[in-house]
Amino acid sequence: MQKLFLALTVVLLMSGSAAAHGNISKLPDSVQILQYKMKLYMNADDADTKNSLAMAYFRTNQLDEAKNELSSILEKDANNFNALDGMGLVLIKEGNGAEALDYLKRAQKVNDKDVMLHVHLSVAHSQLKEADLARSEMDKAKALASGPEELTRIQEEVKMITNS
């Protein structure tokens, strides 16, 4: 057991930090889940790590687990941008665009300049067959994009969310 703890600690230390919805490392999501759980074992109230864990769950289609992590963040901080945005993503993936829009619009009140938020809003509107609103949000995302790399990230994000 001590060897496992030591091994996971080393992996954690070598992995670095994560962006809001990014990966903690180049390791598979299943390994990242273990890393995030270990970090939470050491600091159970770390909202950033909980959000990252939720996104790893999201990427592995463990949507109930993702919602649980995001809900626990929002119970303590109802305006946590990453948790609001993440909950929107989970709800989109579940096919619940209307409820997703509620969370995404709350996130928008916190930060209207986030490129990926506008992508998420676009996908939610598209899911609800609101083509004009979907196009408008995607146009905002592209206008906020800082360059070709971010435009590529937009396409990748849409593929990840819609499984297309």
Protein backbone atom coordinates (compact mmCIF):
# COMPACT_ATOMS: atom_id res chain seq x y z
CA MET A 1 0.00 0.00 0.00
CA GLN A 2 2.86 2.38 0.82
CA LYS A 3 4.43 1.67 -2.56
CA LEU A 4 1.16 2.50 -4.32
CA PHE A 5 0.84 5.75 -2.39
CA LEU A 6 4.45 6.66 -3.19
CA ALA A 7 4.02 5.80 -6.87
CA LEU A 8 0.86 7.88 -7.18
CA THR A 9 2.50 10.77 -5.37
CA VAL A 10 5.44 10.70 -7.79
CA VAL A 11 3.07 10.60 -10.77
CA LEU A 12 1.18 13.56 -9.32
CA LEU A 13 4.29 15.59 -8.80
CA MET A 14 5.54 14.87 -12.30
CA SER A 15 2.23 15.63 -13.98
CA GLY A 16 2.02 19.37 -13.47
CA SER A 17 -1.20 21.35 -13.34
CA ALA A 18 -4.25 21.42 -15.58
CA ALA A 19 -6.26 24.02 -17.42
CA ALA A 20 -9.95 24.42 -16.69
CA HIS A 21 -11.08 21.59 -18.94
CA GLY A 22 -7.68 20.28 -19.94
CA ASN A 23 -5.79 17.19 -19.04
CA ILE A 24 -3.45 17.00 -16.07
CA SER A 25 -0.97 15.16 -18.27
CA LYS A 26 -0.62 13.14 -21.45
CA LEU A 27 -1.69 10.05 -19.52
CA PRO A 28 -5.03 8.34 -20.25
CA ASP A 29 -8.11 9.77 -18.55
CA SER A 30 -8.42 6.70 -16.34
CA VAL A 31 -4.98 7.41 -14.89
CA GLN A 32 -5.78 11.10 -14.56
CA ILE A 33 -8.86 10.19 -12.53
CA LEU A 34 -6.60 8.38 -10.08
CA GLN A 35 -4.26 11.37 -9.98
CA TYR A 36 -7.07 13.79 -9.24
CA LYS A 37 -8.52 11.51 -6.58
CA MET A 38 -5.12 11.37 -4.91
CA LYS A 39 -4.84 15.16 -5.00
CA LEU A 40 -8.30 15.40 -3.43
CA TYR A 41 -7.26 12.91 -0.77
CA MET A 42 -4.60 15.43 0.21
CA ASN A 43 -6.89 18.47 -0.15
CA ALA A 44 -10.58 17.57 -0.33
CA ASP A 45 -11.77 21.15 -0.86
CA ASP A 46 -9.67 21.96 -3.94
CA ALA A 47 -12.29 23.19 -6.42
CA ASP A 48 -9.83 23.26 -9.33
CA THR A 49 -8.94 19.61 -8.82
CA LYS A 50 -12.61 18.66 -8.40
CA ASN A 51 -13.39 20.43 -11.66
CA SER A 52 -10.53 18.66 -13.42
CA LEU A 53 -11.73 15.33 -12.03
CA ALA A 54 -15.23 16.11 -13.28
CA MET A 55 -13.87 16.79 -16.78
CA ALA A 56 -11.90 13.53 -16.75
CA TYR A 57 -15.13 11.77 -15.79
CA PHE A 58 -16.87 13.67 -18.61
CA ARG A 59 -14.29 12.53 -21.15
CA THR A 60 -14.81 8.91 -20.02
CA ASN A 61 -18.62 9.23 -20.14
CA GLN A 62 -18.98 8.85 -16.37
CA LEU A 63 -21.53 11.65 -16.38
CA ASP A 64 -23.13 10.97 -12.98
CA GLU A 65 -19.71 11.15 -11.32
CA ALA A 66 -18.94 14.37 -13.20
CA LYS A 67 -22.23 15.91 -12.05
CA ASN A 68 -21.53 14.92 -8.45
CA GLU A 69 -18.14 16.66 -8.48
CA LEU A 70 -19.51 19.77 -10.15
CA SER A 71 -22.51 19.93 -7.81
CA SER A 72 -20.22 19.79 -4.79
CA ILE A 73 -18.27 22.78 -6.14
CA LEU A 74 -21.44 24.75 -6.87
CA GLU A 75 -22.80 24.07 -3.37
CA LYS A 76 -19.84 26.01 -1.98
CA ASP A 77 -19.50 28.57 -4.80
CA ALA A 78 -22.59 29.08 -6.93
CA ASN A 79 -20.62 31.34 -9.30
CA ASN A 80 -17.67 29.05 -10.00
CA PHE A 81 -17.19 29.60 -13.73
CA ASN A 82 -15.52 26.26 -14.47
CA ALA A 83 -18.15 24.26 -12.58
CA LEU A 84 -21.02 26.12 -14.27
CA ASP A 85 -19.46 25.62 -17.69
CA GLY A 86 -18.64 21.99 -16.89
CA MET A 87 -22.18 21.28 -15.74
CA GLY A 88 -23.40 22.76 -19.02
CA LEU A 89 -21.14 20.35 -20.89
CA VAL A 90 -22.39 17.35 -18.94
CA LEU A 91 -26.01 18.32 -19.55
CA ILE A 92 -25.37 18.78 -23.28
CA LYS A 93 -23.81 15.31 -23.39
CA GLU A 94 -26.94 13.96 -21.64
CA GLY A 95 -29.09 15.62 -24.32
CA ASN A 96 -30.52 18.23 -21.96
CA GLY A 97 -29.76 21.42 -23.90
CA ALA A 98 -32.37 23.53 -22.11
CA GLU A 99 -30.94 22.88 -18.64
CA ALA A 100 -27.41 23.17 -20.05
CA LEU A 101 -28.25 26.68 -21.27
CA ASP A 102 -29.27 27.67 -17.74
CA TYR A 103 -25.81 26.77 -16.40
CA LEU A 104 -23.97 28.19 -19.39
CA LYS A 105 -25.79 31.52 -19.15
CA ARG A 106 -24.88 31.68 -15.46
CA ALA A 107 -21.26 31.05 -16.45
CA GLN A 108 -21.55 33.78 -19.07
CA LYS A 109 -22.48 36.28 -16.36
CA VAL A 110 -19.19 35.43 -14.64
CA ASN A 111 -17.01 35.53 -17.78
CA ASP A 112 -18.41 36.55 -21.16
CA LYS A 113 -14.97 36.49 -22.83
CA ASP A 114 -14.27 32.75 -22.63
CA VAL A 115 -13.98 31.32 -26.14
CA MET A 116 -15.04 27.79 -25.22
CA LEU A 117 -18.07 29.00 -23.30
CA HIS A 118 -19.42 30.47 -26.53
CA VAL A 119 -18.68 27.17 -28.27
CA HIS A 120 -20.65 25.36 -25.55
CA LEU A 121 -23.51 27.84 -25.86
CA SER A 122 -23.51 27.26 -29.63
CA VAL A 123 -23.72 23.48 -29.21
CA ALA A 124 -26.54 23.81 -26.66
CA HIS A 125 -28.53 26.09 -28.98
CA SER A 126 -27.86 23.70 -31.85
CA GLN A 127 -29.15 20.81 -29.74
CA LEU A 128 -32.34 22.80 -29.20
CA LYS A 129 -32.62 23.45 -32.97
CA GLU A 130 -32.01 27.19 -32.48
CA ALA A 131 -29.80 27.59 -35.54
CA ASP A 132 -29.55 31.41 -35.52
CA LEU A 133 -28.52 31.51 -31.85
CA ALA A 134 -26.08 28.64 -32.39
CA ARG A 135 -24.47 30.45 -35.32
CA SER A 136 -24.30 33.71 -33.37
CA GLU A 137 -22.52 32.06 -30.44
CA MET A 138 -20.07 30.28 -32.75
CA ASP A 139 -19.34 33.60 -34.47
CA LYS A 140 -18.59 35.12 -31.04
CA ALA A 141 -16.27 32.22 -30.21
CA LYS A 142 -14.36 32.60 -33.46
CA ALA A 143 -14.13 36.38 -33.01
CA LEU A 144 -12.64 35.87 -29.53
CA ALA A 145 -10.17 33.23 -30.77
CA SER A 146 -6.58 34.39 -30.54
CA GLY A 147 -5.36 32.63 -33.67
CA PRO A 148 -5.40 29.51 -35.84
CA GLU A 149 -4.50 27.23 -32.93
CA GLU A 150 -7.54 28.31 -30.99
CA LEU A 151 -9.75 27.93 -34.06
CA THR A 152 -8.52 24.33 -34.26
CA ARG A 153 -9.31 23.88 -30.56
CA ILE A 154 -12.86 25.10 -31.26
CA GLN A 155 -13.34 22.37 -33.89
CA GLU A 156 -11.89 19.75 -31.55
CA GLU A 157 -14.16 20.89 -28.70
CA VAL A 158 -17.27 20.59 -30.88
CA LYS A 159 -16.22 17.08 -31.94
CA MET A 160 -15.61 16.06 -28.32
CA ILE A 161 -18.97 17.36 -27.11
CA THR A 162 -21.07 16.10 -30.02
CA ASN A 163 -19.14 12.86 -30.66
CA SER A 164 -18.95 13.78 -34.36
